[in-house]
Amino acid sequence: MKKILTWVLVAVAVIGGGLWLSQTKPAEGPLSAGEIIVPSFTALAAEGEKVYLNSCAACHGVNLAGTNDGPSLLDFVYRPAHHSDYAFVSAVQNGVTAHHWNFGNMPRQTQVTDEELVRVISYIREVQRANGLN
């Protein structure tokens, strides 16, 4: 009887968690600058910030805040457990068909080299961690 009760409680917790997650709505527009915590960066991430500002910020915003042309990379959907580092690599190298938002497709970013991409991802992850996206 205890095993059945335990499994029922686990099932309820999983279903409830799934329902809660399904109700979280991705950010549709830019966050305000005051809402974002900007950490002290490692050397790698500081180099990545420069590349990000030149190649990504026009759509994804300064400090990952998002713009009216692209989503915030501080949105829950971009947490490492959902979008791995490889997801960012693939997006930059191959582009992305719109699937979470109505911003349109993301084109390939051929101007960003593989070395620069490593630095950009480091920058993104450090800002995400500072803002609770672990």
Protein backbone atom coordinates (compact mmCIF):
# COMPACT_ATOMS: atom_id res chain seq x y z
CA MET A 1 0.00 0.00 0.00
CA LYS A 2 2.85 2.39 0.84
CA LYS A 3 4.45 1.75 -2.59
CA ILE A 4 1.21 2.60 -4.36
CA LEU A 5 0.80 5.78 -2.34
CA THR A 6 4.41 6.75 -3.05
CA TRP A 7 3.95 6.22 -6.80
CA VAL A 8 0.71 8.18 -6.79
CA LEU A 9 2.43 11.10 -5.03
CA VAL A 10 5.35 10.96 -7.48
CA ALA A 11 2.93 10.93 -10.44
CA VAL A 12 0.99 13.89 -9.04
CA ALA A 13 4.24 15.82 -8.48
CA VAL A 14 5.47 15.10 -12.01
CA ILE A 15 2.15 16.02 -13.61
CA GLY A 16 1.84 19.15 -11.47
CA GLY A 17 5.39 20.21 -12.33
CA GLY A 18 4.72 19.62 -16.01
CA LEU A 19 1.57 21.71 -15.87
CA TRP A 20 3.39 24.51 -14.07
CA LEU A 21 6.20 24.50 -16.65
CA SER A 22 3.70 24.51 -19.50
CA GLN A 23 2.12 27.66 -18.08
CA THR A 24 5.37 29.65 -18.12
CA LYS A 25 5.20 31.96 -21.10
CA PRO A 26 8.43 32.92 -22.85
CA ALA A 27 9.29 36.60 -22.85
CA GLU A 28 7.90 38.27 -25.97
CA GLY A 29 9.88 41.47 -25.81
CA PRO A 30 12.86 43.11 -24.19
CA LEU A 31 13.46 43.08 -20.45
CA SER A 32 14.24 46.32 -18.70
CA ALA A 33 17.94 46.90 -18.09
CA GLY A 34 17.28 47.28 -14.36
CA GLU A 35 16.07 43.70 -14.12
CA ILE A 36 19.33 42.14 -15.31
CA ILE A 37 22.27 41.30 -13.06
CA VAL A 38 25.57 41.73 -14.94
CA PRO A 39 28.36 39.78 -13.21
CA SER A 40 32.11 40.32 -13.28
CA PHE A 41 33.19 38.25 -16.27
CA THR A 42 35.98 35.75 -16.69
CA ALA A 43 38.46 36.71 -19.41
CA LEU A 44 36.80 34.29 -21.84
CA ALA A 45 33.33 35.72 -21.22
CA ALA A 46 34.60 39.31 -21.45
CA GLU A 47 35.92 38.51 -24.93
CA GLY A 48 32.58 36.86 -25.72
CA GLU A 49 30.68 39.96 -24.65
CA LYS A 50 32.52 41.99 -27.31
CA VAL A 51 31.61 39.49 -30.04
CA TYR A 52 28.03 39.26 -28.74
CA LEU A 53 27.63 43.05 -28.84
CA ASN A 54 28.86 43.13 -32.46
CA SER A 55 27.01 40.07 -33.76
CA CYS A 56 24.05 39.20 -31.52
CA ALA A 57 22.86 42.19 -29.51
CA ALA A 58 20.99 43.82 -32.40
CA CYS A 59 18.35 41.08 -32.04
CA HIS A 60 18.97 39.51 -28.61
CA GLY A 61 19.63 42.79 -26.81
CA VAL A 62 22.38 44.19 -24.64
CA ASN A 63 23.00 41.89 -21.65
CA LEU A 64 20.76 39.24 -23.31
CA ALA A 65 17.69 41.42 -22.62
CA GLY A 66 15.99 40.76 -25.96
CA THR A 67 14.57 43.30 -28.40
CA ASN A 68 11.50 43.55 -30.56
CA ASP A 69 13.49 41.60 -33.17
CA GLY A 70 14.62 38.67 -31.03
CA PRO A 71 14.01 36.95 -27.70
CA SER A 72 15.87 37.45 -24.46
CA LEU A 73 18.42 34.72 -23.85
CA LEU A 74 17.54 35.10 -20.16
CA ASP A 75 14.20 33.47 -20.79
CA PHE A 76 13.58 30.20 -18.93
CA VAL A 77 13.50 28.31 -22.23
CA TYR A 78 17.22 29.07 -22.77
CA ARG A 79 18.36 27.54 -19.48
CA PRO A 80 21.19 25.01 -19.96
CA ALA A 81 18.92 22.05 -19.22
CA HIS A 82 16.71 22.97 -22.19
CA HIS A 83 19.15 24.59 -24.65
CA SER A 84 22.59 23.04 -24.37
CA ASP A 85 25.71 24.84 -25.53
CA TYR A 86 25.41 22.83 -28.73
CA ALA A 87 21.98 24.38 -29.34
CA PHE A 88 23.69 27.78 -29.52
CA VAL A 89 26.41 26.37 -31.79
CA SER A 90 23.79 24.90 -34.10
CA ALA A 91 21.74 28.12 -34.11
CA VAL A 92 24.73 30.23 -35.10
CA GLN A 93 26.09 27.78 -37.67
CA ASN A 94 22.80 26.64 -39.20
CA GLY A 95 20.18 29.21 -38.30
CA VAL A 96 16.92 28.36 -36.53
CA THR A 97 13.37 27.99 -37.75
CA ALA A 98 11.07 29.96 -35.43
CA HIS A 99 9.50 27.60 -32.92
CA HIS A 100 9.10 29.39 -29.56
CA TRP A 101 8.22 32.93 -30.60
CA ASN A 102 6.92 35.07 -33.42
CA PHE A 103 10.20 36.85 -34.13
CA GLY A 104 10.75 34.92 -37.34
CA ASN A 105 13.58 32.61 -38.32
CA MET A 106 17.13 33.26 -37.11
CA PRO A 107 19.56 33.31 -40.04
CA ARG A 108 22.99 31.69 -39.91
CA GLN A 109 25.60 33.96 -38.38
CA THR A 110 28.55 33.21 -40.66
CA GLN A 111 30.57 36.17 -39.36
CA VAL A 112 31.06 34.41 -35.98
CA THR A 113 34.03 32.03 -35.95
CA ASP A 114 34.13 28.81 -33.91
CA GLU A 115 36.62 30.39 -31.47
CA GLU A 116 34.40 33.44 -31.05
CA LEU A 117 31.37 31.23 -30.53
CA VAL A 118 33.04 29.49 -27.58
CA ARG A 119 33.57 32.91 -26.02
CA VAL A 120 30.02 34.08 -26.74
CA ILE A 121 28.56 30.96 -25.11
CA SER A 122 30.75 31.57 -22.06
CA TYR A 123 29.39 35.13 -21.88
CA ILE A 124 25.77 33.95 -22.26
CA ARG A 125 26.14 31.29 -19.56
CA GLU A 126 27.78 33.68 -17.09
CA VAL A 127 24.99 36.24 -17.46
CA GLN A 128 22.40 33.46 -17.22
CA ARG A 129 23.95 32.05 -14.01
CA ALA A 130 24.03 35.54 -12.46
CA ASN A 131 20.30 35.78 -13.20
CA GLY A 132 19.33 32.37 -11.80
CA LEU A 133 19.27 30.32 -15.00
CA ASN A 134 21.41 27.36 -14.00
